[in-house]
């Protein structure tokens, strides 16, 4: 038999050839681009349903659940295709309202292995920041998912908690917002470096 590295190259070449026959590329941006059209159609259908006056309260809860999960899936595609968020448009966002909204959405697509506590000082809770909402959502997806995977997924407990605190500060004569995120879940392995 050829060496392991040669065998891996043979498999890789065969995969590339097969993907070329399908007209696909290897990059995640190609896949995100291909999924873009059905993603837009699904998003539009969910928006139309949201406008319907024929939905009862249970239907609206189900629709909200589907919408939150779809938006989460859409962000995961963006995470794999957008490498530089600095080029994305930014707008003023009340960070506290954004975080509260995210916590509500997390209950739809995230994990129920922990509760989330959120607080901050008076100035920080009113502050607006200039940000790209997709980038902020992805940042919180990563923070919450990381807490779930590394802190809580092995042990469900009513004591599991993630805390988010917003604090305002003055630094060099300019106002700053500090975001503190922590959890009381299992620490990293002792041999982790």
N, C-alpha and C. Protein backbone atom coordinates (compact mmCIF):
# COMPACT_ATOMS: atom_id res chain seq x y z
N UNK A 1 0.84 -1.20 0.00
CA UNK A 1 0.00 0.00 0.00
C UNK A 1 0.87 1.25 0.00
N UNK A 2 0.35 2.33 -0.59
CA UNK A 2 1.08 3.60 -0.50
C UNK A 2 1.12 4.07 0.95
N UNK A 3 1.95 5.06 1.23
CA UNK A 3 2.03 5.62 2.59
C UNK A 3 0.69 6.28 2.94
N UNK A 4 0.49 6.52 4.25
CA UNK A 4 -0.75 7.15 4.72
C UNK A 4 -0.95 8.50 4.04
N UNK A 5 0.11 9.30 3.93
CA UNK A 5 -0.03 10.63 3.31
C UNK A 5 -0.43 10.50 1.84
N UNK A 6 0.13 9.49 1.14
CA UNK A 6 -0.25 9.27 -0.27
C UNK A 6 -1.70 8.81 -0.37
N UNK A 7 -2.11 7.97 0.56
CA UNK A 7 -3.50 7.51 0.55
C UNK A 7 -4.46 8.68 0.76
N UNK A 8 -4.10 9.57 1.71
CA UNK A 8 -4.94 10.74 1.97
C UNK A 8 -5.01 11.64 0.75
N UNK A 9 -3.90 11.78 0.02
CA UNK A 9 -3.88 12.60 -1.19
C UNK A 9 -4.78 11.99 -2.26
N UNK A 10 -4.74 10.67 -2.40
CA UNK A 10 -5.60 9.99 -3.38
C UNK A 10 -7.07 10.24 -3.05
N UNK A 11 -7.42 10.13 -1.76
CA UNK A 11 -8.82 10.36 -1.35
C UNK A 11 -9.21 11.80 -1.62
N UNK A 12 -8.33 12.74 -1.26
CA UNK A 12 -8.59 14.17 -1.47
C UNK A 12 -8.80 14.48 -2.95
N UNK A 13 -7.93 13.94 -3.81
CA UNK A 13 -8.05 14.17 -5.26
C UNK A 13 -9.38 13.62 -5.78
N UNK A 14 -9.76 12.44 -5.28
CA UNK A 14 -11.03 11.84 -5.71
C UNK A 14 -12.21 12.70 -5.27
N UNK A 15 -12.14 13.21 -4.03
CA UNK A 15 -13.21 14.09 -3.55
C UNK A 15 -13.30 15.36 -4.39
N UNK A 16 -12.13 15.96 -4.68
CA UNK A 16 -12.12 17.18 -5.50
C UNK A 16 -12.72 16.93 -6.87
N UNK A 17 -12.36 15.82 -7.46
CA UNK A 17 -12.88 15.47 -8.80
C UNK A 17 -14.39 15.31 -8.75
N UNK A 18 -14.88 14.63 -7.71
CA UNK A 18 -16.31 14.41 -7.56
C UNK A 18 -17.05 15.74 -7.36
N UNK A 19 -16.48 16.61 -6.51
CA UNK A 19 -17.11 17.91 -6.28
C UNK A 19 -17.12 18.77 -7.54
N UNK A 20 -16.04 18.68 -8.33
CA UNK A 20 -16.01 19.42 -9.59
C UNK A 20 -17.08 18.93 -10.54
N UNK A 21 -17.32 17.62 -10.54
CA UNK A 21 -18.38 17.06 -11.39
C UNK A 21 -19.74 17.59 -10.98
N UNK A 22 -19.91 17.82 -9.67
CA UNK A 22 -21.18 18.36 -9.18
C UNK A 22 -21.27 19.87 -9.35
N UNK A 23 -20.14 20.48 -9.73
CA UNK A 23 -20.12 21.93 -9.90
C UNK A 23 -19.98 22.66 -8.57
N UNK A 24 -19.45 21.98 -7.57
CA UNK A 24 -19.28 22.59 -6.26
C UNK A 24 -17.83 22.92 -6.00
N UNK A 25 -17.60 23.93 -5.17
CA UNK A 25 -16.25 24.24 -4.73
C UNK A 25 -16.05 23.72 -3.32
N UNK A 26 -14.85 23.84 -2.82
CA UNK A 26 -14.55 23.35 -1.47
C UNK A 26 -14.79 24.40 -0.41
N UNK A 27 -14.92 25.66 -0.78
CA UNK A 27 -14.98 26.70 0.24
C UNK A 27 -16.38 26.84 0.82
N UNK A 28 -16.42 27.19 2.09
CA UNK A 28 -17.71 27.37 2.76
C UNK A 28 -18.47 28.55 2.17
N UNK A 29 -17.75 29.54 1.60
CA UNK A 29 -18.47 30.68 1.00
C UNK A 29 -19.26 30.23 -0.22
N UNK A 30 -18.73 29.23 -0.97
CA UNK A 30 -19.49 28.69 -2.11
C UNK A 30 -20.77 28.03 -1.63
N UNK A 31 -20.67 27.28 -0.55
CA UNK A 31 -21.85 26.60 -0.02
C UNK A 31 -22.86 27.63 0.50
N UNK A 32 -22.37 28.64 1.21
CA UNK A 32 -23.25 29.69 1.72
C UNK A 32 -23.94 30.41 0.56
N UNK A 33 -23.20 30.63 -0.53
CA UNK A 33 -23.77 31.29 -1.70
C UNK A 33 -24.88 30.43 -2.31
N UNK A 34 -24.63 29.12 -2.41
CA UNK A 34 -25.63 28.21 -2.96
C UNK A 34 -26.90 28.18 -2.11
N UNK A 35 -26.73 28.27 -0.80
CA UNK A 35 -27.88 28.22 0.10
C UNK A 35 -28.57 29.57 0.23
N UNK A 36 -27.96 30.60 -0.35
CA UNK A 36 -28.51 31.95 -0.22
C UNK A 36 -29.91 32.08 -0.77
N UNK A 37 -30.18 31.53 -1.95
CA UNK A 37 -31.50 31.68 -2.58
C UNK A 37 -32.59 31.00 -1.77
N UNK A 38 -32.44 29.69 -1.41
CA UNK A 38 -33.50 29.11 -0.58
C UNK A 38 -33.62 29.80 0.78
N UNK A 39 -32.51 30.31 1.28
CA UNK A 39 -32.53 31.01 2.56
C UNK A 39 -33.42 32.26 2.47
N UNK A 40 -33.27 33.00 1.39
CA UNK A 40 -34.10 34.20 1.18
C UNK A 40 -35.56 33.82 1.06
N UNK A 41 -35.87 32.75 0.32
CA UNK A 41 -37.26 32.31 0.15
C UNK A 41 -37.90 31.90 1.47
N UNK A 42 -37.15 31.16 2.28
CA UNK A 42 -37.67 30.73 3.58
C UNK A 42 -37.88 31.95 4.48
N UNK A 43 -36.90 32.85 4.48
CA UNK A 43 -37.02 34.06 5.29
C UNK A 43 -38.24 34.89 4.90
N UNK A 44 -38.46 35.05 3.61
CA UNK A 44 -39.63 35.81 3.13
C UNK A 44 -40.94 35.13 3.51
N UNK A 45 -40.98 33.79 3.41
CA UNK A 45 -42.19 33.06 3.78
C UNK A 45 -42.50 33.24 5.27
N UNK A 46 -41.47 33.21 6.10
CA UNK A 46 -41.67 33.41 7.53
C UNK A 46 -42.17 34.83 7.83
N UNK A 47 -41.65 35.81 7.08
CA UNK A 47 -42.11 37.19 7.27
C UNK A 47 -43.58 37.34 6.87
N UNK A 48 -43.97 36.69 5.77
CA UNK A 48 -45.37 36.75 5.32
C UNK A 48 -46.29 36.11 6.36
N UNK A 49 -45.86 34.97 6.90
CA UNK A 49 -46.66 34.32 7.94
C UNK A 49 -46.81 35.21 9.16
N UNK A 50 -45.75 35.93 9.48
CA UNK A 50 -45.77 36.82 10.65
C UNK A 50 -46.82 37.92 10.48
N UNK A 51 -47.06 38.34 9.24
CA UNK A 51 -48.03 39.40 8.96
C UNK A 51 -49.47 38.90 8.96
N UNK A 52 -49.65 37.59 8.93
CA UNK A 52 -50.99 37.01 8.86
C UNK A 52 -51.80 37.33 10.11
N UNK A 53 -53.08 37.60 9.91
CA UNK A 53 -53.96 37.88 11.04
C UNK A 53 -54.72 36.63 11.48
N UNK A 54 -54.47 35.51 10.82
CA UNK A 54 -55.20 34.28 11.12
C UNK A 54 -54.47 33.35 12.09
N UNK A 55 -53.40 33.83 12.71
CA UNK A 55 -52.63 32.98 13.61
C UNK A 55 -53.06 33.18 15.06
N UNK A 56 -53.27 32.07 15.76
CA UNK A 56 -53.58 32.19 17.19
C UNK A 56 -52.27 32.28 17.98
N UNK A 57 -52.36 32.36 19.30
CA UNK A 57 -51.17 32.57 20.12
C UNK A 57 -50.18 31.40 20.01
N UNK A 58 -50.69 30.17 19.97
CA UNK A 58 -49.81 29.00 19.83
C UNK A 58 -49.09 29.02 18.48
N UNK A 59 -49.83 29.39 17.42
CA UNK A 59 -49.21 29.48 16.09
C UNK A 59 -48.10 30.52 16.09
N UNK A 60 -48.33 31.65 16.76
CA UNK A 60 -47.33 32.72 16.81
C UNK A 60 -46.07 32.27 17.57
N UNK A 61 -46.26 31.49 18.65
CA UNK A 61 -45.11 30.96 19.39
C UNK A 61 -44.31 30.01 18.51
N UNK A 62 -45.01 29.15 17.78
CA UNK A 62 -44.33 28.21 16.87
C UNK A 62 -43.59 28.96 15.78
N UNK A 63 -44.24 29.98 15.23
CA UNK A 63 -43.62 30.79 14.18
C UNK A 63 -42.37 31.49 14.72
N UNK A 64 -42.46 32.03 15.93
CA UNK A 64 -41.32 32.71 16.54
C UNK A 64 -40.17 31.72 16.73
N UNK A 65 -40.49 30.51 17.17
CA UNK A 65 -39.49 29.45 17.36
C UNK A 65 -38.80 29.13 16.03
N UNK A 66 -39.60 28.95 14.97
CA UNK A 66 -39.04 28.64 13.64
C UNK A 66 -38.17 29.79 13.14
N UNK A 67 -38.65 31.02 13.34
CA UNK A 67 -37.91 32.19 12.87
C UNK A 67 -36.57 32.32 13.58
N UNK A 68 -36.56 32.14 14.91
CA UNK A 68 -35.31 32.22 15.67
C UNK A 68 -34.31 31.17 15.20
N UNK A 69 -34.79 29.95 14.97
CA UNK A 69 -33.91 28.87 14.51
C UNK A 69 -33.41 29.10 13.10
N UNK A 70 -34.27 29.62 12.23
CA UNK A 70 -33.85 29.92 10.87
C UNK A 70 -32.79 31.01 10.86
N UNK A 71 -33.01 32.06 11.66
CA UNK A 71 -32.03 33.15 11.72
C UNK A 71 -30.69 32.65 12.27
N UNK A 72 -30.75 31.72 13.23
CA UNK A 72 -29.53 31.13 13.77
C UNK A 72 -28.78 30.37 12.68
N UNK A 73 -29.50 29.57 11.91
CA UNK A 73 -28.89 28.81 10.81
C UNK A 73 -28.28 29.79 9.79
N UNK A 74 -28.99 30.86 9.50
CA UNK A 74 -28.51 31.86 8.55
C UNK A 74 -27.22 32.50 9.05
N UNK A 75 -27.14 32.77 10.36
CA UNK A 75 -25.91 33.34 10.92
C UNK A 75 -24.75 32.37 10.84
N UNK A 76 -25.02 31.08 11.04
CA UNK A 76 -23.95 30.08 10.94
C UNK A 76 -23.38 30.07 9.53
N UNK A 77 -24.24 30.24 8.51
CA UNK A 77 -23.75 30.30 7.13
C UNK A 77 -22.90 31.55 6.94
N UNK A 78 -23.36 32.68 7.48
CA UNK A 78 -22.60 33.92 7.35
C UNK A 78 -21.25 33.81 8.06
N UNK A 79 -21.24 33.16 9.21
CA UNK A 79 -20.01 32.99 9.97
C UNK A 79 -18.95 32.29 9.12
N UNK A 80 -19.39 31.36 8.28
CA UNK A 80 -18.45 30.59 7.46
C UNK A 80 -18.12 31.26 6.13
N UNK A 81 -18.84 32.33 5.79
CA UNK A 81 -18.58 32.95 4.49
C UNK A 81 -18.09 34.39 4.59
N UNK A 82 -18.39 35.07 5.71
CA UNK A 82 -17.93 36.45 5.88
C UNK A 82 -16.70 36.43 6.78
N UNK A 83 -15.57 36.77 6.23
CA UNK A 83 -14.34 36.71 7.01
C UNK A 83 -14.01 38.04 7.68
N UNK A 84 -14.49 39.13 7.10
CA UNK A 84 -14.10 40.44 7.61
C UNK A 84 -15.35 41.27 7.90
N UNK A 85 -15.78 41.27 9.18
CA UNK A 85 -16.97 42.03 9.55
C UNK A 85 -16.73 43.54 9.57
N UNK A 86 -15.45 43.96 9.52
CA UNK A 86 -15.18 45.39 9.56
C UNK A 86 -15.72 46.09 8.31
N UNK A 87 -15.92 45.32 7.24
CA UNK A 87 -16.43 45.90 5.99
C UNK A 87 -17.96 45.93 5.96
N UNK A 88 -18.59 45.32 6.96
CA UNK A 88 -20.05 45.29 6.99
C UNK A 88 -20.58 46.60 7.56
N UNK A 89 -21.80 46.97 7.15
CA UNK A 89 -22.39 48.23 7.62
C UNK A 89 -22.70 48.15 9.11
N UNK A 90 -22.54 49.31 9.77
CA UNK A 90 -22.81 49.40 11.20
C UNK A 90 -23.91 50.43 11.42
N UNK A 91 -24.65 50.25 12.51
CA UNK A 91 -25.67 51.23 12.88
C UNK A 91 -25.75 51.31 14.40
N UNK A 92 -26.30 52.40 14.93
CA UNK A 92 -26.42 52.52 16.39
C UNK A 92 -27.37 51.47 16.95
N UNK A 93 -26.93 50.76 17.99
CA UNK A 93 -27.73 49.71 18.62
C UNK A 93 -27.68 49.92 20.13
N UNK A 94 -28.85 49.88 20.78
CA UNK A 94 -28.86 49.89 22.25
C UNK A 94 -28.42 48.49 22.68
N UNK A 95 -27.23 48.40 23.24
CA UNK A 95 -26.63 47.11 23.53
C UNK A 95 -27.45 46.30 24.53
N UNK A 96 -28.00 46.96 25.55
CA UNK A 96 -28.79 46.24 26.57
C UNK A 96 -30.03 45.61 25.95
N UNK A 97 -30.75 46.38 25.11
CA UNK A 97 -31.93 45.83 24.44
C UNK A 97 -31.55 44.68 23.52
N UNK A 98 -30.43 44.83 22.84
CA UNK A 98 -29.93 43.79 21.94
C UNK A 98 -29.67 42.49 22.72
N UNK A 99 -29.02 42.61 23.88
CA UNK A 99 -28.69 41.44 24.69
C UNK A 99 -29.96 40.78 25.23
N UNK A 100 -30.91 41.59 25.71
CA UNK A 100 -32.18 41.02 26.21
C UNK A 100 -32.90 40.25 25.10
N UNK A 101 -32.93 40.83 23.91
CA UNK A 101 -33.58 40.19 22.77
C UNK A 101 -32.86 38.88 22.43
N UNK A 102 -31.52 38.91 22.48
CA UNK A 102 -30.76 37.71 22.17
C UNK A 102 -31.07 36.59 23.18
N UNK A 103 -31.14 36.94 24.46
CA UNK A 103 -31.42 35.95 25.50
C UNK A 103 -32.79 35.29 25.25
N UNK A 104 -33.78 36.10 24.84
CA UNK A 104 -35.10 35.54 24.51
C UNK A 104 -35.00 34.58 23.32
N UNK A 105 -34.24 34.96 22.30
CA UNK A 105 -34.09 34.11 21.12
C UNK A 105 -33.34 32.83 21.44
N UNK A 106 -32.34 32.91 22.33
CA UNK A 106 -31.53 31.74 22.69
C UNK A 106 -32.42 30.61 23.21
N UNK A 107 -33.50 30.98 23.89
CA UNK A 107 -34.40 29.95 24.44
C UNK A 107 -35.03 29.13 23.32
N UNK A 108 -35.10 29.66 22.11
CA UNK A 108 -35.67 28.92 20.98
C UNK A 108 -34.66 27.98 20.34
N UNK A 109 -33.45 28.47 20.04
CA UNK A 109 -32.51 27.65 19.27
C UNK A 109 -31.34 27.13 20.09
N UNK A 110 -31.20 27.60 21.32
CA UNK A 110 -30.04 27.23 22.13
C UNK A 110 -30.33 26.09 23.08
N UNK A 111 -29.57 26.06 24.14
CA UNK A 111 -29.66 24.98 25.12
C UNK A 111 -30.41 25.44 26.36
N UNK A 112 -31.07 24.49 27.00
CA UNK A 112 -31.76 24.80 28.26
C UNK A 112 -30.99 24.26 29.45
N UNK A 113 -29.68 24.09 29.30
CA UNK A 113 -28.88 23.53 30.39
C UNK A 113 -28.45 24.60 31.39
N UNK A 114 -28.74 25.87 31.12
CA UNK A 114 -28.36 26.92 32.06
C UNK A 114 -29.30 28.11 31.93
N UNK A 115 -29.36 28.91 32.99
CA UNK A 115 -30.14 30.15 32.92
C UNK A 115 -29.19 31.31 32.69
N UNK A 116 -29.73 32.42 32.24
CA UNK A 116 -28.90 33.59 31.95
C UNK A 116 -29.35 34.76 32.80
N UNK A 117 -28.42 35.38 33.50
CA UNK A 117 -28.68 36.58 34.27
C UNK A 117 -28.00 37.75 33.57
N UNK A 118 -28.74 38.87 33.46
CA UNK A 118 -28.18 40.04 32.78
C UNK A 118 -28.45 41.28 33.61
N UNK A 119 -27.41 42.11 33.76
CA UNK A 119 -27.55 43.35 34.52
C UNK A 119 -26.49 44.34 34.06
N UNK A 120 -26.56 45.55 34.58
CA UNK A 120 -25.56 46.55 34.24
C UNK A 120 -25.83 47.85 34.97
N UNK A 121 -24.89 48.76 34.88
CA UNK A 121 -25.14 50.05 35.54
C UNK A 121 -26.04 50.91 34.66
N UNK A 122 -26.57 51.96 35.27
CA UNK A 122 -27.60 52.78 34.61
C UNK A 122 -27.14 53.34 33.26
N UNK A 123 -25.93 53.86 33.20
CA UNK A 123 -25.43 54.42 31.94
C UNK A 123 -25.24 53.35 30.88
N UNK A 124 -24.67 52.22 31.28
CA UNK A 124 -24.40 51.15 30.32
C UNK A 124 -25.68 50.58 29.73
N UNK A 125 -26.73 50.49 30.56
CA UNK A 125 -28.00 49.92 30.09
C UNK A 125 -28.72 50.84 29.11
N UNK A 126 -28.36 52.12 29.07
CA UNK A 126 -28.96 53.06 28.13
C UNK A 126 -28.07 53.32 26.91
N UNK A 127 -26.83 52.87 26.98
CA UNK A 127 -25.84 53.22 25.96
C UNK A 127 -26.14 52.59 24.60
N UNK A 128 -25.77 53.33 23.56
CA UNK A 128 -25.84 52.81 22.20
C UNK A 128 -24.42 52.65 21.68
N UNK A 129 -24.23 51.60 20.90
CA UNK A 129 -22.94 51.36 20.26
C UNK A 129 -23.14 51.27 18.77
N UNK A 130 -22.12 51.60 18.02
CA UNK A 130 -22.17 51.46 16.57
C UNK A 130 -21.66 50.07 16.24
N UNK A 131 -22.53 49.23 15.69
CA UNK A 131 -22.14 47.83 15.47
C UNK A 131 -22.91 47.22 14.31
N UNK A 132 -22.39 46.11 13.83
CA UNK A 132 -23.09 45.30 12.83
C UNK A 132 -23.86 44.23 13.59
N UNK A 133 -25.17 44.19 13.43
CA UNK A 133 -25.99 43.29 14.23
C UNK A 133 -25.68 41.82 13.96
N UNK A 134 -25.33 41.46 12.71
CA UNK A 134 -24.96 40.08 12.40
C UNK A 134 -23.71 39.68 13.17
N UNK A 135 -22.71 40.58 13.19
CA UNK A 135 -21.46 40.28 13.89
C UNK A 135 -21.72 40.13 15.39
N UNK A 136 -22.57 41.01 15.96
CA UNK A 136 -22.89 40.91 17.39
C UNK A 136 -23.62 39.61 17.69
N UNK A 137 -24.59 39.27 16.84
CA UNK A 137 -25.34 38.02 17.05
C UNK A 137 -24.39 36.83 17.03
N UNK A 138 -23.48 36.81 16.05
CA UNK A 138 -22.54 35.69 15.94
C UNK A 138 -21.62 35.65 17.16
N UNK A 139 -21.21 36.83 17.65
CA UNK A 139 -20.38 36.86 18.84
C UNK A 139 -21.11 36.22 20.03
N UNK A 140 -22.40 36.58 20.21
CA UNK A 140 -23.16 36.00 21.31
C UNK A 140 -23.45 34.52 21.07
N UNK A 141 -23.68 34.13 19.81
CA UNK A 141 -23.83 32.69 19.50
C UNK A 141 -22.60 31.94 20.00
N UNK A 142 -21.43 32.47 19.71
CA UNK A 142 -20.17 31.81 20.11
C UNK A 142 -20.03 31.77 21.63
N UNK A 143 -20.33 32.88 22.30
CA UNK A 143 -20.22 32.94 23.76
C UNK A 143 -21.17 31.94 24.44
N UNK A 144 -22.42 31.93 23.99
CA UNK A 144 -23.42 31.05 24.61
C UNK A 144 -23.14 29.59 24.28
N UNK A 145 -22.78 29.32 23.04
CA UNK A 145 -22.50 27.95 22.63
C UNK A 145 -21.27 27.43 23.37
N UNK A 146 -20.28 28.29 23.53
CA UNK A 146 -19.07 27.89 24.25
C UNK A 146 -19.40 27.56 25.71
N UNK A 147 -20.23 28.39 26.35
CA UNK A 147 -20.63 28.12 27.73
C UNK A 147 -21.35 26.77 27.81
N UNK A 148 -22.23 26.53 26.85
CA UNK A 148 -22.98 25.27 26.85
C UNK A 148 -22.06 24.07 26.64
N UNK A 149 -21.18 24.14 25.64
CA UNK A 149 -20.32 23.00 25.30
C UNK A 149 -19.29 22.71 26.37
N UNK A 150 -18.67 23.77 26.89
CA UNK A 150 -17.56 23.56 27.81
C UNK A 150 -17.95 23.66 29.28
N UNK A 151 -19.06 24.30 29.55
CA UNK A 151 -19.43 24.49 30.94
C UNK A 151 -20.54 23.60 31.44
N UNK A 152 -21.56 23.38 30.58
CA UNK A 152 -22.79 22.79 31.10
C UNK A 152 -23.27 21.52 30.43
N UNK A 153 -22.72 21.16 29.27
CA UNK A 153 -23.33 20.05 28.53
C UNK A 153 -23.19 18.71 29.23
N UNK A 154 -22.20 18.57 30.10
CA UNK A 154 -22.01 17.28 30.78
C UNK A 154 -22.88 17.15 32.02
N UNK A 155 -23.26 18.28 32.60
CA UNK A 155 -23.99 18.23 33.86
C UNK A 155 -25.13 19.24 33.88
N UNK A 156 -26.36 18.73 33.79
CA UNK A 156 -27.51 19.62 33.88
C UNK A 156 -27.82 19.82 35.36
N UNK A 157 -27.94 21.07 35.74
CA UNK A 157 -28.20 21.40 37.14
C UNK A 157 -28.99 22.70 37.20
N UNK A 158 -29.91 22.82 38.16
CA UNK A 158 -30.67 24.07 38.28
C UNK A 158 -29.78 25.24 38.68
N UNK A 159 -28.55 24.94 39.15
CA UNK A 159 -27.63 26.00 39.54
C UNK A 159 -26.82 26.55 38.37
N UNK A 160 -26.87 25.90 37.23
CA UNK A 160 -26.09 26.36 36.07
C UNK A 160 -26.52 27.76 35.67
N UNK A 161 -25.55 28.64 35.55
CA UNK A 161 -25.88 30.04 35.25
C UNK A 161 -24.78 30.72 34.45
N UNK A 162 -25.21 31.50 33.49
CA UNK A 162 -24.30 32.37 32.75
C UNK A 162 -24.67 33.79 33.13
N UNK A 163 -23.67 34.63 33.36
CA UNK A 163 -23.96 36.02 33.74
C UNK A 163 -23.35 36.97 32.70
N UNK A 164 -24.12 38.00 32.39
CA UNK A 164 -23.66 39.05 31.48
C UNK A 164 -23.84 40.37 32.22
N UNK A 165 -22.78 41.16 32.27
CA UNK A 165 -22.84 42.46 32.95
C UNK A 165 -22.28 43.52 32.03
N UNK A 166 -23.01 44.63 31.91
CA UNK A 166 -22.55 45.79 31.15
C UNK A 166 -22.16 46.89 32.12
N UNK A 167 -20.96 47.42 31.96
CA UNK A 167 -20.49 48.49 32.83
C UNK A 167 -20.01 49.66 31.98
N UNK A 168 -20.25 50.88 32.48
CA UNK A 168 -19.77 52.07 31.77
C UNK A 168 -18.52 52.59 32.46
N UNK A 169 -17.60 53.09 31.67
CA UNK A 169 -16.35 53.63 32.21
C UNK A 169 -15.94 54.86 31.40
N UNK A 170 -15.09 55.66 31.99
CA UNK A 170 -14.44 56.75 31.26
C UNK A 170 -12.97 56.37 31.11
N UNK A 171 -12.47 56.47 29.89
CA UNK A 171 -11.06 56.16 29.66
C UNK A 171 -10.50 57.22 28.71
N UNK A 172 -9.46 57.90 29.15
CA UNK A 172 -8.87 58.98 28.36
C UNK A 172 -9.92 60.01 27.95
N UNK A 173 -10.85 60.30 28.85
CA UNK A 173 -11.86 61.32 28.60
C UNK A 173 -12.99 60.89 27.69
N UNK A 174 -13.04 59.62 27.31
CA UNK A 174 -14.10 59.13 26.43
C UNK A 174 -14.88 58.01 27.12
N UNK A 175 -16.22 57.93 26.85
CA UNK A 175 -17.01 56.86 27.48
C UNK A 175 -16.76 55.50 26.82
N UNK A 176 -16.68 54.49 27.64
CA UNK A 176 -16.47 53.12 27.16
C UNK A 176 -17.51 52.20 27.80
N UNK A 177 -17.82 51.11 27.11
CA UNK A 177 -18.69 50.08 27.65
C UNK A 177 -17.84 48.82 27.84
N UNK A 178 -17.95 48.23 29.02
CA UNK A 178 -17.26 46.96 29.27
C UNK A 178 -18.32 45.86 29.36
N UNK A 179 -18.13 44.80 28.62
CA UNK A 179 -19.03 43.66 28.63
C UNK A 179 -18.32 42.51 29.35
N UNK A 180 -18.91 42.05 30.46
CA UNK A 180 -18.34 40.92 31.19
C UNK A 180 -19.27 39.72 31.01
N UNK A 181 -18.69 38.60 30.61
CA UNK A 181 -19.46 37.37 30.43
C UNK A 181 -18.76 36.26 31.19
N UNK A 182 -19.50 35.52 31.99
CA UNK A 182 -18.91 34.41 32.74
C UNK A 182 -19.95 33.36 33.01
N UNK A 183 -19.50 32.19 33.45
CA UNK A 183 -20.44 31.15 33.84
C UNK A 183 -19.85 30.33 34.99
N UNK A 184 -20.70 29.60 35.68
CA UNK A 184 -20.26 28.79 36.81
C UNK A 184 -20.15 27.31 36.44
N UNK A 185 -19.99 27.04 35.15
CA UNK A 185 -19.91 25.65 34.69
C UNK A 185 -18.55 25.04 34.93
N UNK A 186 -18.39 23.80 34.44
CA UNK A 186 -17.14 23.08 34.63
C UNK A 186 -15.99 23.84 34.01
N UNK A 187 -14.86 23.93 34.72
CA UNK A 187 -13.69 24.61 34.13
C UNK A 187 -13.05 23.74 33.06
N UNK A 188 -12.11 24.30 32.37
CA UNK A 188 -11.37 23.55 31.36
C UNK A 188 -10.54 22.47 32.04
N UNK A 189 -10.17 21.45 31.29
CA UNK A 189 -9.34 20.36 31.83
C UNK A 189 -8.04 20.92 32.40
N UNK A 190 -7.54 20.28 33.44
CA UNK A 190 -6.33 20.75 34.12
C UNK A 190 -5.12 20.80 33.20
N UNK A 191 -5.07 19.88 32.21
CA UNK A 191 -3.91 19.86 31.32
C UNK A 191 -4.06 20.80 30.12
N UNK A 192 -5.16 21.58 30.12
CA UNK A 192 -5.39 22.51 29.00
C UNK A 192 -4.40 23.66 29.09
N UNK A 193 -3.76 23.99 27.98
CA UNK A 193 -2.85 25.13 27.98
C UNK A 193 -3.26 26.10 26.88
